[in-house]
PDB file of N, CA and C in Angstrom:
ATOM      1  N   UNK A   1     -23.103 -31.900 -33.244  1.00  0.00           N
ATOM      2  CA  UNK A   1     -23.562 -33.057 -32.506  1.00  0.00           C
ATOM      3  C   UNK A   1     -24.595 -33.808 -33.358  1.00  0.00           C
ATOM      4  N   UNK A   2     -24.452 -35.098 -33.442  1.00  0.00           N
ATOM      5  CA  UNK A   2     -25.376 -35.936 -34.186  1.00  0.00           C
ATOM      6  C   UNK A   2     -26.409 -36.513 -33.230  1.00  0.00           C
ATOM      7  N   UNK A   3     -27.668 -36.397 -33.597  1.00  0.00           N
ATOM      8  CA  UNK A   3     -28.718 -37.001 -32.781  1.00  0.00           C
ATOM      9  C   UNK A   3     -28.696 -38.514 -32.969  1.00  0.00           C
ATOM     10  N   UNK A   4     -28.779 -39.225 -31.873  1.00  0.00           N
ATOM     11  CA  UNK A   4     -28.796 -40.680 -31.883  1.00  0.00           C
ATOM     12  C   UNK A   4     -30.249 -41.115 -31.761  1.00  0.00           C
ATOM     13  N   UNK A   5     -30.688 -42.035 -32.617  1.00  0.00           N
ATOM     14  CA  UNK A   5     -32.071 -42.505 -32.567  1.00  0.00           C
ATOM     15  C   UNK A   5     -32.234 -43.582 -31.495  1.00  0.00           C
ATOM     16  N   UNK A   6     -33.467 -43.794 -31.084  1.00  0.00           N
ATOM     17  CA  UNK A   6     -33.747 -44.856 -30.115  1.00  0.00           C
ATOM     18  C   UNK A   6     -33.334 -46.208 -30.690  1.00  0.00           C
ATOM     19  N   UNK A   7     -33.589 -46.434 -31.964  1.00  0.00           N
ATOM     20  CA  UNK A   7     -33.203 -47.696 -32.605  1.00  0.00           C
ATOM     21  C   UNK A   7     -31.696 -47.914 -32.523  1.00  0.00           C
ATOM     22  N   UNK A   8     -30.922 -46.853 -32.698  1.00  0.00           N
ATOM     23  CA  UNK A   8     -29.463 -46.963 -32.594  1.00  0.00           C
ATOM     24  C   UNK A   8     -29.035 -47.291 -31.166  1.00  0.00           C
ATOM     25  N   UNK A   9     -29.689 -46.683 -30.187  1.00  0.00           N
ATOM     26  CA  UNK A   9     -29.372 -46.980 -28.785  1.00  0.00           C
ATOM     27  C   UNK A   9     -29.652 -48.451 -28.497  1.00  0.00           C
ATOM     28  N   UNK A  10     -30.807 -48.944 -28.933  1.00  0.00           N
ATOM     29  CA  UNK A  10     -31.173 -50.337 -28.682  1.00  0.00           C
ATOM     30  C   UNK A  10     -30.227 -51.300 -29.388  1.00  0.00           C
ATOM     31  N   UNK A  11     -29.803 -50.944 -30.595  1.00  0.00           N
ATOM     32  CA  UNK A  11     -28.933 -51.821 -31.385  1.00  0.00           C
ATOM     33  C   UNK A  11     -27.507 -51.888 -30.848  1.00  0.00           C
ATOM     34  N   UNK A  12     -27.089 -50.893 -30.093  1.00  0.00           N
ATOM     35  CA  UNK A  12     -25.703 -50.851 -29.621  1.00  0.00           C
ATOM     36  C   UNK A  12     -25.578 -51.156 -28.127  1.00  0.00           C
ATOM     37  N   UNK A  13     -26.553 -51.830 -27.567  1.00  0.00           N
ATOM     38  CA  UNK A  13     -26.504 -52.186 -26.143  1.00  0.00           C
ATOM     39  C   UNK A  13     -25.336 -53.121 -25.876  1.00  0.00           C
ATOM     40  N   UNK A  14     -24.711 -52.916 -24.728  1.00  0.00           N
ATOM     41  CA  UNK A  14     -23.640 -53.800 -24.262  1.00  0.00           C
ATOM     42  C   UNK A  14     -24.249 -54.800 -23.294  1.00  0.00           C
ATOM     43  N   UNK A  15     -23.716 -56.014 -23.238  1.00  0.00           N
ATOM     44  CA  UNK A  15     -24.219 -57.003 -22.292  1.00  0.00           C
ATOM     45  C   UNK A  15     -23.533 -56.836 -20.943  1.00  0.00           C
ATOM     46  N   UNK A  16     -24.317 -56.848 -19.878  1.00  0.00           N
ATOM     47  CA  UNK A  16     -23.827 -56.807 -18.507  1.00  0.00           C
ATOM     48  C   UNK A  16     -24.346 -58.077 -17.848  1.00  0.00           C
ATOM     49  N   UNK A  17     -23.610 -59.160 -17.991  1.00  0.00           N
ATOM     50  CA  UNK A  17     -24.107 -60.465 -17.555  1.00  0.00           C
ATOM     51  C   UNK A  17     -25.186 -60.903 -18.525  1.00  0.00           C
ATOM     52  N   UNK A  18     -26.392 -61.116 -18.019  1.00  0.00           N
ATOM     53  CA  UNK A  18     -27.499 -61.540 -18.883  1.00  0.00           C
ATOM     54  C   UNK A  18     -28.403 -60.382 -19.270  1.00  0.00           C
ATOM     55  N   UNK A  19     -28.098 -59.176 -18.792  1.00  0.00           N
ATOM     56  CA  UNK A  19     -28.948 -58.009 -19.064  1.00  0.00           C
ATOM     57  C   UNK A  19     -28.188 -56.979 -19.896  1.00  0.00           C
ATOM     58  N   UNK A  20     -28.897 -56.272 -20.769  1.00  0.00           N
ATOM     59  CA  UNK A  20     -28.233 -55.246 -21.580  1.00  0.00           C
ATOM     60  C   UNK A  20     -28.023 -53.943 -20.805  1.00  0.00           C
ATOM     61  N   UNK A  21     -26.971 -53.233 -21.169  1.00  0.00           N
ATOM     62  CA  UNK A  21     -26.694 -51.895 -20.628  1.00  0.00           C
ATOM     63  C   UNK A  21     -26.742 -50.935 -21.808  1.00  0.00           C
ATOM     64  N   UNK A  22     -27.486 -49.848 -21.642  1.00  0.00           N
ATOM     65  CA  UNK A  22     -27.719 -48.894 -22.716  1.00  0.00           C
ATOM     66  C   UNK A  22     -27.029 -47.562 -22.437  1.00  0.00           C
ATOM     67  N   UNK A  23     -26.486 -46.955 -23.453  1.00  0.00           N
ATOM     68  CA  UNK A  23     -25.936 -45.603 -23.350  1.00  0.00           C
ATOM     69  C   UNK A  23     -27.089 -44.597 -23.306  1.00  0.00           C
ATOM     70  N   UNK A  24     -26.846 -43.445 -22.701  1.00  0.00           N
ATOM     71  CA  UNK A  24     -27.826 -42.361 -22.669  1.00  0.00           C
ATOM     72  C   UNK A  24     -27.232 -41.195 -23.449  1.00  0.00           C
ATOM     73  N   UNK A  25     -27.533 -41.099 -24.754  1.00  0.00           N
ATOM     74  CA  UNK A  25     -26.987 -40.015 -25.562  1.00  0.00           C
ATOM     75  C   UNK A  25     -27.487 -38.646 -25.085  1.00  0.00           C
ATOM     76  N   UNK A  26     -26.715 -37.612 -25.352  1.00  0.00           N
ATOM     77  CA  UNK A  26     -27.070 -36.259 -24.929  1.00  0.00           C
ATOM     78  C   UNK A  26     -28.447 -35.831 -25.420  1.00  0.00           C
ATOM     79  N   UNK A  27     -28.812 -36.213 -26.648  1.00  0.00           N
ATOM     80  CA  UNK A  27     -30.104 -35.780 -27.181  1.00  0.00           C
ATOM     81  C   UNK A  27     -31.292 -36.500 -26.531  1.00  0.00           C
ATOM     82  N   UNK A  28     -31.037 -37.481 -25.659  1.00  0.00           N
ATOM     83  CA  UNK A  28     -32.093 -38.179 -24.931  1.00  0.00           C
ATOM     84  C   UNK A  28     -32.047 -37.846 -23.447  1.00  0.00           C
ATOM     85  N   UNK A  29     -31.378 -36.741 -23.076  1.00  0.00           N
ATOM     86  CA  UNK A  29     -31.248 -36.374 -21.668  1.00  0.00           C
ATOM     87  C   UNK A  29     -31.615 -34.917 -21.451  1.00  0.00           C
ATOM     88  N   UNK A  30     -31.972 -34.629 -20.221  1.00  0.00           N
ATOM     89  CA  UNK A  30     -32.246 -33.257 -19.803  1.00  0.00           C
ATOM     90  C   UNK A  30     -31.574 -33.082 -18.443  1.00  0.00           C
ATOM     91  N   UNK A  31     -30.712 -32.118 -18.328  1.00  0.00           N
ATOM     92  CA  UNK A  31     -30.028 -31.943 -17.060  1.00  0.00           C
ATOM     93  C   UNK A  31     -29.236 -33.170 -16.681  1.00  0.00           C
ATOM     94  N   UNK A  32     -29.542 -33.739 -15.525  1.00  0.00           N
ATOM     95  CA  UNK A  32     -28.764 -34.892 -15.051  1.00  0.00           C
ATOM     96  C   UNK A  32     -29.457 -36.242 -15.232  1.00  0.00           C
ATOM     97  N   UNK A  33     -30.526 -36.291 -16.012  1.00  0.00           N
ATOM     98  CA  UNK A  33     -31.235 -37.555 -16.195  1.00  0.00           C
ATOM     99  C   UNK A  33     -31.711 -37.718 -17.632  1.00  0.00           C
ATOM    100  N   UNK A  34     -31.977 -38.964 -17.990  1.00  0.00           N
ATOM    101  CA  UNK A  34     -32.568 -39.256 -19.298  1.00  0.00           C
ATOM    102  C   UNK A  34     -34.035 -38.850 -19.276  1.00  0.00           C
ATOM    103  N   UNK A  35     -34.582 -38.485 -20.434  1.00  0.00           N
ATOM    104  CA  UNK A  35     -36.009 -38.194 -20.530  1.00  0.00           C
ATOM    105  C   UNK A  35     -36.799 -39.410 -20.047  1.00  0.00           C
ATOM    106  N   UNK A  36     -37.931 -39.156 -19.401  1.00  0.00           N
ATOM    107  CA  UNK A  36     -38.758 -40.244 -18.893  1.00  0.00           C
ATOM    108  C   UNK A  36     -39.253 -41.172 -19.986  1.00  0.00           C
ATOM    109  N   UNK A  37     -39.624 -40.611 -21.139  1.00  0.00           N
ATOM    110  CA  UNK A  37     -40.089 -41.449 -22.245  1.00  0.00           C
ATOM    111  C   UNK A  37     -38.996 -42.363 -22.768  1.00  0.00           C
ATOM    112  N   UNK A  38     -37.763 -41.874 -22.770  1.00  0.00           N
ATOM    113  CA  UNK A  38     -36.621 -42.683 -23.195  1.00  0.00           C
ATOM    114  C   UNK A  38     -36.426 -43.847 -22.220  1.00  0.00           C
ATOM    115  N   UNK A  39     -36.446 -43.548 -20.930  1.00  0.00           N
ATOM    116  CA  UNK A  39     -36.287 -44.596 -19.919  1.00  0.00           C
ATOM    117  C   UNK A  39     -37.427 -45.604 -20.013  1.00  0.00           C
ATOM    118  N   UNK A  40     -38.653 -45.116 -20.186  1.00  0.00           N
ATOM    119  CA  UNK A  40     -39.801 -46.007 -20.343  1.00  0.00           C
ATOM    120  C   UNK A  40     -39.662 -46.906 -21.560  1.00  0.00           C
ATOM    121  N   UNK A  41     -39.144 -46.348 -22.655  1.00  0.00           N
ATOM    122  CA  UNK A  41     -38.944 -47.143 -23.871  1.00  0.00           C
ATOM    123  C   UNK A  41     -37.913 -48.250 -23.642  1.00  0.00           C
ATOM    124  N   UNK A  42     -36.860 -47.959 -22.886  1.00  0.00           N
ATOM    125  CA  UNK A  42     -35.876 -48.994 -22.565  1.00  0.00           C
ATOM    126  C   UNK A  42     -36.510 -50.103 -21.737  1.00  0.00           C
ATOM    127  N   UNK A  43     -37.369 -49.720 -20.795  1.00  0.00           N
ATOM    128  CA  UNK A  43     -38.024 -50.712 -19.939  1.00  0.00           C
ATOM    129  C   UNK A  43     -38.980 -51.606 -20.732  1.00  0.00           C
ATOM    130  N   UNK A  44     -39.820 -51.015 -21.579  1.00  0.00           N
ATOM    131  CA  UNK A  44     -40.764 -51.836 -22.355  1.00  0.00           C
ATOM    132  C   UNK A  44     -40.017 -52.669 -23.393  1.00  0.00           C
ATOM    133  N   UNK A  45     -38.929 -52.148 -23.933  1.00  0.00           N
ATOM    134  CA  UNK A  45     -38.119 -52.933 -24.863  1.00  0.00           C
ATOM    135  C   UNK A  45     -37.552 -54.165 -24.161  1.00  0.00           C
ATOM    136  N   UNK A  46     -37.124 -54.004 -22.910  1.00  0.00           N
ATOM    137  CA  UNK A  46     -36.596 -55.141 -22.148  1.00  0.00           C
ATOM    138  C   UNK A  46     -37.676 -56.196 -21.926  1.00  0.00           C
ATOM    139  N   UNK A  47     -38.910 -55.746 -21.693  1.00  0.00           N
ATOM    140  CA  UNK A  47     -40.014 -56.691 -21.505  1.00  0.00           C
ATOM    141  C   UNK A  47     -40.258 -57.505 -22.771  1.00  0.00           C
ATOM    142  N   UNK A  48     -40.104 -56.886 -23.913  1.00  0.00           N
ATOM    143  CA  UNK A  48     -40.363 -57.554 -25.201  1.00  0.00           C
ATOM    144  C   UNK A  48     -39.136 -58.260 -25.785  1.00  0.00           C
ATOM    145  N   UNK A  49     -37.962 -57.945 -25.294  1.00  0.00           N
ATOM    146  CA  UNK A  49     -36.694 -58.360 -25.911  1.00  0.00           C
ATOM    147  C   UNK A  49     -36.639 -59.832 -26.284  1.00  0.00           C
ATOM    148  N   UNK A  50     -36.910 -60.733 -25.357  1.00  0.00           N
ATOM    149  CA  UNK A  50     -36.789 -62.168 -25.629  1.00  0.00           C
ATOM    150  C   UNK A  50     -38.137 -62.828 -25.898  1.00  0.00           C
ATOM    151  N   UNK A  51     -39.175 -62.006 -26.088  1.00  0.00           N
ATOM    152  CA  UNK A  51     -40.532 -62.527 -26.264  1.00  0.00           C
ATOM    153  C   UNK A  51     -41.224 -61.863 -27.456  1.00  0.00           C
ATOM    154  N   UNK A  52     -40.768 -62.152 -28.668  1.00  0.00           N
ATOM    155  CA  UNK A  52     -41.344 -61.483 -29.843  1.00  0.00           C
ATOM    156  C   UNK A  52     -42.805 -61.838 -30.100  1.00  0.00           C
ATOM    157  N   UNK A  53     -43.308 -62.894 -29.459  1.00  0.00           N
ATOM    158  CA  UNK A  53     -44.682 -63.329 -29.692  1.00  0.00           C
ATOM    159  C   UNK A  53     -45.684 -62.707 -28.718  1.00  0.00           C
ATOM    160  N   UNK A  54     -45.252 -61.747 -27.900  1.00  0.00           N
ATOM    161  CA  UNK A  54     -46.187 -61.111 -26.971  1.00  0.00           C
ATOM    162  C   UNK A  54     -47.294 -60.395 -27.725  1.00  0.00           C
ATOM    163  N   UNK A  55     -48.511 -60.429 -27.185  1.00  0.00           N
ATOM    164  CA  UNK A  55     -49.592 -59.664 -27.809  1.00  0.00           C
ATOM    165  C   UNK A  55     -49.398 -58.168 -27.537  1.00  0.00           C
ATOM    166  N   UNK A  56     -50.388 -57.377 -27.848  1.00  0.00           N
ATOM    167  CA  UNK A  56     -50.304 -55.915 -27.718  1.00  0.00           C
ATOM    168  C   UNK A  56     -50.124 -55.483 -26.260  1.00  0.00           C
ATOM    169  N   UNK A  57     -49.419 -54.370 -26.081  1.00  0.00           N
ATOM    170  CA  UNK A  57     -49.263 -53.771 -24.764  1.00  0.00           C
ATOM    171  C   UNK A  57     -50.606 -53.168 -24.355  1.00  0.00           C
ATOM    172  N   UNK A  58     -51.122 -53.571 -23.193  1.00  0.00           N
ATOM    173  CA  UNK A  58     -52.431 -53.102 -22.728  1.00  0.00           C
ATOM    174  C   UNK A  58     -52.323 -52.164 -21.528  1.00  0.00           C
ATOM    175  N   UNK A  59     -51.249 -52.309 -20.737  1.00  0.00           N
ATOM    176  CA  UNK A  59     -51.112 -51.500 -19.527  1.00  0.00           C
ATOM    177  C   UNK A  59     -49.638 -51.309 -19.217  1.00  0.00           C
ATOM    178  N   UNK A  60     -49.294 -50.090 -18.761  1.00  0.00           N
ATOM    179  CA  UNK A  60     -47.909 -49.795 -18.377  1.00  0.00           C
ATOM    180  C   UNK A  60     -47.906 -48.940 -17.118  1.00  0.00           C
ATOM    181  N   UNK A  61     -47.106 -49.330 -16.155  1.00  0.00           N
ATOM    182  CA  UNK A  61     -46.904 -48.550 -14.937  1.00  0.00           C
ATOM    183  C   UNK A  61     -45.402 -48.364 -14.790  1.00  0.00           C
ATOM    184  N   UNK A  62     -44.953 -47.121 -14.837  1.00  0.00           N
ATOM    185  CA  UNK A  62     -43.526 -46.827 -14.754  1.00  0.00           C
ATOM    186  C   UNK A  62     -43.290 -45.922 -13.554  1.00  0.00           C
ATOM    187  N   UNK A  63     -42.278 -46.272 -12.762  1.00  0.00           N
ATOM    188  CA  UNK A  63     -41.936 -45.503 -11.570  1.00  0.00           C
ATOM    189  C   UNK A  63     -40.473 -45.074 -11.671  1.00  0.00           C
ATOM    190  N   UNK A  64     -40.249 -43.774 -11.561  1.00  0.00           N
ATOM    191  CA  UNK A  64     -38.894 -43.221 -11.619  1.00  0.00           C
ATOM    192  C   UNK A  64     -38.437 -42.968 -10.187  1.00  0.00           C
ATOM    193  N   UNK A  65     -37.369 -43.641  -9.748  1.00  0.00           N
ATOM    194  CA  UNK A  65     -36.928 -43.539  -8.358  1.00  0.00           C
ATOM    195  C   UNK A  65     -35.616 -42.788  -8.192  1.00  0.00           C
ATOM    196  N   UNK A  66     -34.855 -42.627  -9.263  1.00  0.00           N
ATOM    197  CA  UNK A  66     -33.575 -41.913  -9.204  1.00  0.00           C
ATOM    198  C   UNK A  66     -33.221 -41.461 -10.616  1.00  0.00           C
ATOM    199  N   UNK A  67     -32.350 -40.476 -10.746  1.00  0.00           N
ATOM    200  CA  UNK A  67     -31.957 -40.032 -12.090  1.00  0.00           C
ATOM    201  C   UNK A  67     -31.240 -41.143 -12.869  1.00  0.00           C
ATOM    202  N   UNK A  68     -31.560 -41.247 -14.141  1.00  0.00           N
ATOM    203  CA  UNK A  68     -30.861 -42.170 -15.032  1.00  0.00           C
ATOM    204  C   UNK A  68     -29.752 -41.335 -15.687  1.00  0.00           C
ATOM    205  N   UNK A  69     -28.659 -41.197 -14.942  1.00  0.00           N
ATOM    206  CA  UNK A  69     -27.579 -40.312 -15.348  1.00  0.00           C
ATOM    207  C   UNK A  69     -26.389 -41.045 -15.942  1.00  0.00           C
ATOM    208  N   UNK A  70     -26.365 -42.352 -15.782  1.00  0.00           N
ATOM    209  CA  UNK A  70     -25.315 -43.195 -16.339  1.00  0.00           C
ATOM    210  C   UNK A  70     -25.986 -44.312 -17.125  1.00  0.00           C
ATOM    211  N   UNK A  71     -25.221 -45.066 -17.899  1.00  0.00           N
ATOM    212  CA  UNK A  71     -25.841 -46.158 -18.653  1.00  0.00           C
ATOM    213  C   UNK A  71     -26.545 -47.162 -17.726  1.00  0.00           C
ATOM    214  N   UNK A  72     -27.855 -47.317 -17.869  1.00  0.00           N
ATOM    215  CA  UNK A  72     -28.568 -48.272 -17.025  1.00  0.00           C
ATOM    216  C   UNK A  72     -28.491 -49.695 -17.571  1.00  0.00           C
ATOM    217  N   UNK A  73     -28.509 -50.643 -16.662  1.00  0.00           N
ATOM    218  CA  UNK A  73     -28.646 -52.055 -17.003  1.00  0.00           C
ATOM    219  C   UNK A  73     -30.118 -52.391 -16.756  1.00  0.00           C
ATOM    220  N   UNK A  74     -30.765 -53.018 -17.740  1.00  0.00           N
ATOM    221  CA  UNK A  74     -32.203 -53.278 -17.654  1.00  0.00           C
ATOM    222  C   UNK A  74     -32.456 -54.777 -17.482  1.00  0.00           C
ATOM    223  N   UNK A  75     -33.185 -55.120 -16.415  1.00  0.00           N
ATOM    224  CA  UNK A  75     -33.545 -56.508 -16.120  1.00  0.00           C
ATOM    225  C   UNK A  75     -35.044 -56.689 -16.341  1.00  0.00           C
ATOM    226  N   UNK A  76     -35.439 -57.892 -16.748  1.00  0.00           N
ATOM    227  CA  UNK A  76     -36.856 -58.190 -16.968  1.00  0.00           C
ATOM    228  C   UNK A  76     -37.185 -59.554 -16.372  1.00  0.00           C
ATOM    229  N   UNK A  77     -38.408 -59.656 -15.827  1.00  0.00           N
ATOM    230  CA  UNK A  77     -38.867 -60.901 -15.221  1.00  0.00           C
ATOM    231  C   UNK A  77     -40.351 -61.079 -15.511  1.00  0.00           C
ATOM    232  N   UNK A  78     -40.725 -62.255 -15.994  1.00  0.00           N
ATOM    233  CA  UNK A  78     -42.138 -62.563 -16.206  1.00  0.00           C
ATOM    234  C   UNK A  78     -42.761 -62.831 -14.842  1.00  0.00           C
ATOM    235  N   UNK A  79     -43.764 -62.038 -14.494  1.00  0.00           N
ATOM    236  CA  UNK A  79     -44.468 -62.240 -13.226  1.00  0.00           C
ATOM    237  C   UNK A  79     -45.545 -63.310 -13.355  1.00  0.00           C
ATOM    238  N   UNK A  80     -46.229 -63.280 -14.489  1.00  0.00           N
ATOM    239  CA  UNK A  80     -47.268 -64.279 -14.758  1.00  0.00           C
ATOM    240  C   UNK A  80     -47.545 -64.322 -16.247  1.00  0.00           C
ATOM    241  N   UNK A  81     -47.672 -65.542 -16.755  1.00  0.00           N
ATOM    242  CA  UNK A  81     -48.077 -65.709 -18.146  1.00  0.00           C
ATOM    243  C   UNK A  81     -49.289 -66.610 -18.154  1.00  0.00           C
ATOM    244  N   UNK A  82     -50.427 -66.012 -18.518  1.00  0.00           N
ATOM    245  CA  UNK A  82     -51.673 -66.764 -18.594  1.00  0.00           C
ATOM    246  C   UNK A  82     -52.077 -66.976 -20.039  1.00  0.00           C
ATOM    247  N   UNK A  83     -53.302 -67.429 -20.215  1.00  0.00           N
ATOM    248  CA  UNK A  83     -53.812 -67.679 -21.561  1.00  0.00           C
ATOM    249  C   UNK A  83     -53.972 -66.393 -22.356  1.00  0.00           C
ATOM    250  N   UNK A  84     -54.424 -65.326 -21.688  1.00  0.00           N
ATOM    251  CA  UNK A  84     -54.712 -64.079 -22.387  1.00  0.00           C
ATOM    252  C   UNK A  84     -53.798 -62.918 -22.023  1.00  0.00           C
ATOM    253  N   UNK A  85     -53.254 -62.912 -20.825  1.00  0.00           N
ATOM    254  CA  UNK A  85     -52.458 -61.790 -20.339  1.00  0.00           C
ATOM    255  C   UNK A  85     -51.095 -62.270 -19.856  1.00  0.00           C
ATOM    256  N   UNK A  86     -50.051 -61.539 -20.208  1.00  0.00           N
ATOM    257  CA  UNK A  86     -48.700 -61.762 -19.678  1.00  0.00           C
ATOM    258  C   UNK A  86     -48.269 -60.474 -18.988  1.00  0.00           C
ATOM    259  N   UNK A  87     -47.811 -60.599 -17.747  1.00  0.00           N
ATOM    260  CA  UNK A  87     -47.349 -59.440 -16.988  1.00  0.00           C
ATOM    261  C   UNK A  87     -45.855 -59.588 -16.737  1.00  0.00           C
ATOM    262  N   UNK A  88     -45.113 -58.523 -17.072  1.00  0.00           N
ATOM    263  CA  UNK A  88     -43.653 -58.531 -16.970  1.00  0.00           C
ATOM    264  C   UNK A  88     -43.201 -57.322 -16.163  1.00  0.00           C
ATOM    265  N   UNK A  89     -42.295 -57.548 -15.218  1.00  0.00           N
ATOM    266  CA  UNK A  89     -41.702 -56.461 -14.430  1.00  0.00           C
ATOM    267  C   UNK A  89     -40.285 -56.207 -14.952  1.00  0.00           C
ATOM    268  N   UNK A  90     -39.930 -54.939 -15.048  1.00  0.00           N
ATOM    269  CA  UNK A  90     -38.585 -54.565 -15.482  1.00  0.00           C
ATOM    270  C   UNK A  90     -38.006 -53.565 -14.494  1.00  0.00           C
ATOM    271  N   UNK A  91     -36.679 -53.479 -14.471  1.00  0.00           N
ATOM    272  CA  UNK A  91     -36.036 -52.472 -13.624  1.00  0.00           C
ATOM    273  C   UNK A  91     -34.751 -52.004 -14.287  1.00  0.00           C
ATOM    274  N   UNK A  92     -34.517 -50.714 -14.164  1.00  0.00           N
ATOM    275  CA  UNK A  92     -33.290 -50.095 -14.658  1.00  0.00           C
ATOM    276  C   UNK A  92     -32.393 -49.873 -13.458  1.00  0.00           C
ATOM    277  N   UNK A  93     -31.188 -50.434 -13.510  1.00  0.00           N
ATOM    278  CA  UNK A  93     -30.242 -50.293 -12.407  1.00  0.00           C
ATOM    279  C   UNK A  93     -29.006 -49.527 -12.846  1.00  0.00           C
ATOM    280  N   UNK A  94     -28.491 -48.713 -11.929  1.00  0.00           N
ATOM    281  CA  UNK A  94     -27.226 -48.016 -12.128  1.00  0.00           C
ATOM    282  C   UNK A  94     -26.370 -48.332 -10.913  1.00  0.00           C
ATOM    283  N   UNK A  95     -25.225 -48.933 -11.136  1.00  0.00           N
ATOM    284  CA  UNK A  95     -24.337 -49.338 -10.039  1.00  0.00           C
ATOM    285  C   UNK A  95     -25.069 -50.189  -9.009  1.00  0.00           C
ATOM    286  N   UNK A  96     -25.957 -51.074  -9.486  1.00  0.00           N
ATOM    287  CA  UNK A  96     -26.672 -51.983  -8.609  1.00  0.00           C
ATOM    288  C   UNK A  96     -27.845 -51.379  -7.863  1.00  0.00           C
ATOM    289  N   UNK A  97     -28.155 -50.104  -8.124  1.00  0.00           N
ATOM    290  CA  UNK A  97     -29.281 -49.441  -7.456  1.00  0.00           C
ATOM    291  C   UNK A  97     -30.386 -49.166  -8.465  1.00  0.00           C
ATOM    292  N   UNK A  98     -31.616 -49.364  -8.047  1.00  0.00           N
ATOM    293  CA  UNK A  98     -32.759 -49.189  -8.937  1.00  0.00           C
ATOM    294  C   UNK A  98     -32.999 -47.709  -9.207  1.00  0.00           C
ATOM    295  N   UNK A  99     -33.094 -47.359 -10.481  1.00  0.00           N
ATOM    296  CA  UNK A  99     -33.382 -45.978 -10.898  1.00  0.00           C
ATOM    297  C   UNK A  99     -34.795 -45.849 -11.455  1.00  0.00           C
ATOM    298  N   UNK A 100     -35.345 -46.925 -12.003  1.00  0.00           N
ATOM    299  CA  UNK A 100     -36.705 -46.914 -12.549  1.00  0.00           C
ATOM    300  C   UNK A 100     -37.214 -48.350 -12.621  1.00  0.00           C
ATOM    301  N   UNK A 101     -38.533 -48.490 -12.487  1.00  0.00           N
ATOM    302  CA  UNK A 101     -39.153 -49.800 -12.632  1.00  0.00           C
ATOM    303  C   UNK A 101     -40.345 -49.687 -13.573  1.00  0.00           C
ATOM    304  N   UNK A 102     -40.705 -50.798 -14.166  1.00  0.00           N
ATOM    305  CA  UNK A 102     -41.873 -50.834 -15.034  1.00  0.00           C
ATOM    306  C   UNK A 102     -42.609 -52.151 -14.859  1.00  0.00           C
ATOM    307  N   UNK A 103     -43.931 -52.088 -14.887  1.00  0.00           N
ATOM    308  CA  UNK A 103     -44.756 -53.286 -14.894  1.00  0.00           C
ATOM    309  C   UNK A 103     -45.662 -53.175 -16.111  1.00  0.00           C
ATOM    310  N   UNK A 104     -45.583 -54.170 -16.974  1.00  0.00           N
ATOM    311  CA  UNK A 104     -46.286 -54.125 -18.257  1.00  0.00           C
ATOM    312  C   UNK A 104     -47.182 -55.342 -18.409  1.00  0.00           C
ATOM    313  N   UNK A 105     -48.403 -55.112 -18.871  1.00  0.00           N
ATOM    314  CA  UNK A 105     -49.336 -56.196 -19.170  1.00  0.00           C
ATOM    315  C   UNK A 105     -49.595 -56.225 -20.663  1.00  0.00           C
ATOM    316  N   UNK A 106     -49.416 -57.376 -21.242  1.00  0.00           N
ATOM    317  CA  UNK A 106     -49.624 -57.600 -22.664  1.00  0.00           C
ATOM    318  C   UNK A 106     -50.801 -58.555 -22.800  1.00  0.00           C
ATOM    319  N   UNK A 107     -51.746 -58.235 -23.677  1.00  0.00           N
ATOM    320  CA  UNK A 107     -52.908 -59.088 -23.770  1.00  0.00           C
ATOM    321  C   UNK A 107     -53.521 -59.154 -25.154  1.00  0.00           C
ATOM    322  N   UNK A 108     -54.192 -60.258 -25.394  1.00  0.00           N
ATOM    323  CA  UNK A 108     -54.920 -60.449 -26.637  1.00  0.00           C
ATOM    324  C   UNK A 108     -56.219 -59.649 -26.608  1.00  0.00           C
ATOM    325  N   UNK A 109     -56.700 -59.258 -27.765  1.00  0.00           N
ATOM    326  CA  UNK A 109     -57.966 -58.540 -27.853  1.00  0.00           C
ATOM    327  C   UNK A 109     -59.105 -59.454 -27.387  1.00  0.00           C
ATOM    328  N   UNK A 110     -60.061 -58.859 -26.689  1.00  0.00           N
ATOM    329  CA  UNK A 110     -61.213 -59.612 -26.187  1.00  0.00           C
ATOM    330  C   UNK A 110     -62.485 -58.952 -26.705  1.00  0.00           C
ATOM    331  N   UNK A 111     -63.430 -59.757 -27.110  1.00  0.00           N
ATOM    332  CA  UNK A 111     -64.735 -59.209 -27.504  1.00  0.00           C
ATOM    333  C   UNK A 111     -65.522 -58.889 -26.255  1.00  0.00           C
ATOM    334  N   UNK A 112     -66.263 -57.766 -26.321  1.00  0.00           N
ATOM    335  CA  UNK A 112     -67.075 -57.414 -25.155  1.00  0.00           C
ATOM    336  C   UNK A 112     -68.542 -57.338 -25.528  1.00  0.00           C
TER     337      UNK A 112
END
């Protein structure tokens, strides 16, 4: 068995409408679900996908609601984009049902 890298998974995403669908290779799964870090990486990648100019990731909240046992489709939506902070919500869906969600805040460095 060949281990598949995260970069390879991201590079081989299939389009499902306007959102990408990612395979879950065996080396990124445990039992009947993908590793949480793998799912989180897919969610944060979706937040950054069409926004290469985002500043550094400052906050991440990830909620796992169901096993990611099949290829998830990942959706992203900008909740707010301000001068210093951009907040993006993402969700991983399997057969139209939410399996995981993420809320990410990206922000510029501030002097204190």
